[in-house]
Amino acid sequence: MTSKNLRGFSAGIILSTGILAGFYYTADTDTDSVLTEETVSQYLSEKGEIAISKDEFTALKETQTAALVPAAKEEPKAAPVKEEEEKVFQMTLTITQGMTTGEVCDLLQKGNIIKDSKEFLKYLRSNNLEGAVRAEAHQVNSNMNFDEIAKEITSS
């Protein structure tokens, strides 16, 4: 770039900056709009809403809180009933020759004996019991933990 080109470029930047500054400082910036009750009520009526005072709002809030407190006290009473009604699931798990350990875990989950087949599979792998699963019928129930189920279905 020659010096004449550079001077022309810088003169263009200075000129455009001056024009923009002129418009910026001479533009009418008096856009303060004063909110009045009329404009607020007109806006609320257009939106289908109403305005309430702070006193009414706090009264409604207290009423809502008071209505929620008895409901919260009733919930703990219902929880013990559910614990007493917990069902024990029993099943005869028939493992056939050629079934994978993952398939066995899925059968246990479908029979509601275990909650997560992946967790039981991880347990079998971590205890090196994956290859020790016996192909026969086993009696299992949902009260058994992973260790008890593993002892039942393996040869160990």
Protein backbone atom coordinates (compact mmCIF):
# COMPACT_ATOMS: atom_id res chain seq x y z
CA MET A 1 0.00 0.00 0.00
CA THR A 2 1.45 3.35 -0.99
CA SER A 3 1.46 6.40 1.23
CA LYS A 4 -1.22 8.12 -0.91
CA ASN A 5 -3.53 5.14 -0.54
CA LEU A 6 -2.95 5.07 3.22
CA ARG A 7 -3.69 8.82 3.52
CA GLY A 8 -6.91 8.41 1.52
CA PHE A 9 -8.02 5.49 3.67
CA SER A 10 -7.37 7.36 6.93
CA ALA A 11 -9.13 10.47 5.59
CA GLY A 12 -12.19 8.31 4.84
CA ILE A 13 -12.23 6.92 8.37
CA ILE A 14 -11.94 10.42 9.87
CA LEU A 15 -14.71 11.76 7.63
CA SER A 16 -17.11 8.88 8.41
CA THR A 17 -16.39 9.20 12.15
CA GLY A 18 -17.19 12.92 11.98
CA ILE A 19 -20.49 12.30 10.15
CA LEU A 20 -21.57 9.62 12.64
CA ALA A 21 -20.62 11.86 15.60
CA GLY A 22 -22.66 14.71 14.13
CA PHE A 23 -25.77 12.55 13.84
CA TYR A 24 -25.23 11.06 17.28
CA TYR A 25 -24.96 14.39 19.11
CA THR A 26 -27.67 16.22 17.17
CA ALA A 27 -30.30 13.45 17.23
CA ASP A 28 -33.37 13.92 19.42
CA THR A 29 -32.93 11.65 22.44
CA ASP A 30 -35.93 12.89 24.38
CA THR A 31 -37.75 9.56 24.42
CA ASP A 32 -38.70 9.58 28.09
CA SER A 33 -42.22 8.28 28.24
CA VAL A 34 -43.99 8.86 31.49
CA LEU A 35 -46.10 6.01 32.77
CA THR A 36 -49.51 7.07 33.90
CA GLU A 37 -52.33 5.11 35.43
CA GLU A 38 -54.23 5.42 32.18
CA THR A 39 -51.46 3.84 30.10
CA VAL A 40 -50.95 1.06 32.65
CA SER A 41 -54.67 0.26 32.85
CA GLN A 42 -54.94 0.36 29.05
CA TYR A 43 -52.02 -2.08 28.74
CA LEU A 44 -53.49 -4.44 31.35
CA SER A 45 -56.93 -4.41 29.72
CA GLU A 46 -55.37 -5.22 26.34
CA LYS A 47 -53.54 -8.20 27.85
CA GLY A 48 -56.57 -9.36 29.87
CA GLU A 49 -54.86 -8.93 33.22
CA ILE A 50 -55.65 -7.00 36.39
CA ALA A 51 -53.62 -5.02 38.90
CA ILE A 52 -53.84 -5.66 42.64
CA SER A 53 -52.35 -3.83 45.59
CA LYS A 54 -49.46 -5.14 47.68
CA ASP A 55 -51.80 -5.79 50.61
CA GLU A 56 -54.08 -7.96 48.48
CA PHE A 57 -51.07 -9.80 47.09
CA THR A 58 -49.63 -10.64 50.52
CA ALA A 59 -53.08 -11.75 51.74
CA LEU A 60 -53.45 -14.09 48.77
CA LYS A 61 -49.92 -15.41 49.29
CA GLU A 62 -50.62 -16.17 52.97
CA THR A 63 -53.86 -17.93 52.06
CA GLN A 64 -52.04 -20.06 49.53
CA THR A 65 -49.31 -20.95 52.05
CA ALA A 66 -51.90 -21.86 54.69
CA ALA A 67 -53.66 -24.14 52.22
CA LEU A 68 -50.42 -25.97 51.41
CA VAL A 69 -49.37 -26.62 55.03
CA PRO A 70 -52.12 -29.21 55.86
CA ALA A 71 -51.42 -31.06 52.62
CA ALA A 72 -47.73 -31.34 53.55
CA LYS A 73 -48.63 -32.78 56.97
CA GLU A 74 -50.83 -35.49 55.45
CA GLU A 75 -48.14 -36.84 53.10
CA PRO A 76 -45.95 -38.49 55.78
CA LYS A 77 -48.96 -40.48 57.01
CA ALA A 78 -49.43 -42.03 53.58
CA ALA A 79 -45.77 -43.05 53.23
CA PRO A 80 -45.69 -45.73 56.00
CA VAL A 81 -48.71 -47.44 54.45
CA LYS A 82 -46.79 -47.92 51.23
CA GLU A 83 -43.86 -49.46 53.08
CA GLU A 84 -46.10 -52.05 54.74
CA GLU A 85 -47.63 -53.00 51.39
CA GLU A 86 -44.27 -53.77 49.77
CA LYS A 87 -44.65 -57.01 47.82
CA VAL A 88 -42.10 -59.80 47.72
CA PHE A 89 -41.71 -61.20 44.23
CA GLN A 90 -40.67 -64.83 43.80
CA MET A 91 -39.74 -66.65 40.65
CA THR A 92 -38.17 -69.79 39.35
CA LEU A 93 -35.29 -68.64 37.20
CA THR A 94 -34.58 -71.23 34.51
CA ILE A 95 -31.17 -70.73 32.96
CA THR A 96 -30.60 -72.72 29.78
CA GLN A 97 -27.34 -73.69 28.14
CA GLY A 98 -25.99 -70.83 25.99
CA MET A 99 -27.69 -67.95 27.83
CA THR A 100 -25.47 -64.95 28.45
CA THR A 101 -25.10 -63.40 31.87
CA GLY A 102 -26.74 -60.25 30.53
CA GLU A 103 -29.83 -62.25 29.52
CA VAL A 104 -30.00 -63.76 33.01
CA CYS A 105 -29.80 -60.28 34.56
CA ASP A 106 -32.57 -59.05 32.24
CA LEU A 107 -34.80 -61.97 33.30
CA LEU A 108 -34.21 -61.09 36.95
CA GLN A 109 -35.17 -57.47 36.28
CA LYS A 110 -38.31 -58.46 34.36
CA GLY A 111 -39.32 -60.70 37.27
CA ASN A 112 -38.94 -57.72 39.68
CA ILE A 113 -36.23 -59.54 41.60
CA ILE A 114 -33.63 -56.81 41.00
CA LYS A 115 -34.13 -53.15 40.10
CA ASP A 116 -31.25 -52.70 37.65
CA SER A 117 -29.86 -55.51 35.53
CA LYS A 118 -26.74 -53.51 34.67
CA GLU A 119 -25.85 -53.10 38.36
CA PHE A 120 -26.19 -56.85 38.96
CA LEU A 121 -24.11 -57.62 35.87
CA LYS A 122 -21.46 -55.20 37.14
CA TYR A 123 -21.54 -57.00 40.52
CA LEU A 124 -21.05 -60.40 38.85
CA ARG A 125 -18.16 -59.09 36.76
CA SER A 126 -16.43 -57.39 39.69
CA ASN A 127 -16.58 -60.64 41.71
CA ASN A 128 -15.48 -62.82 38.75
CA LEU A 129 -18.76 -64.78 38.83
CA GLU A 130 -19.82 -64.10 35.26
CA GLY A 131 -18.58 -67.45 33.96
CA ALA A 132 -19.78 -69.45 36.98
CA VAL A 133 -23.53 -69.19 36.28
CA ARG A 134 -25.12 -72.69 36.28
CA ALA A 135 -27.64 -73.75 33.64
CA GLU A 136 -30.56 -75.04 35.76
CA ALA A 137 -33.67 -73.83 37.63
CA HIS A 138 -33.13 -71.52 40.62
CA GLN A 139 -35.59 -70.19 43.23
CA VAL A 140 -35.06 -66.45 43.84
CA ASN A 141 -37.08 -63.64 45.44
CA SER A 142 -36.95 -59.87 45.68
CA ASN A 143 -35.81 -59.90 49.33
CA MET A 144 -32.47 -61.43 48.32
CA ASN A 145 -29.49 -59.12 47.89
CA PHE A 146 -26.95 -59.39 45.08
CA ASP A 147 -24.69 -61.70 47.08
CA GLU A 148 -27.49 -64.16 47.86
CA ILE A 149 -28.73 -64.21 44.26
CA ALA A 150 -25.18 -64.71 42.99
CA LYS A 151 -24.63 -67.66 45.37
CA GLU A 152 -27.90 -69.22 44.20
CA ILE A 153 -27.23 -69.01 40.46
CA THR A 154 -23.49 -69.75 40.45
CA SER A 155 -21.51 -72.86 41.25
CA SER A 156 -19.53 -71.14 43.99
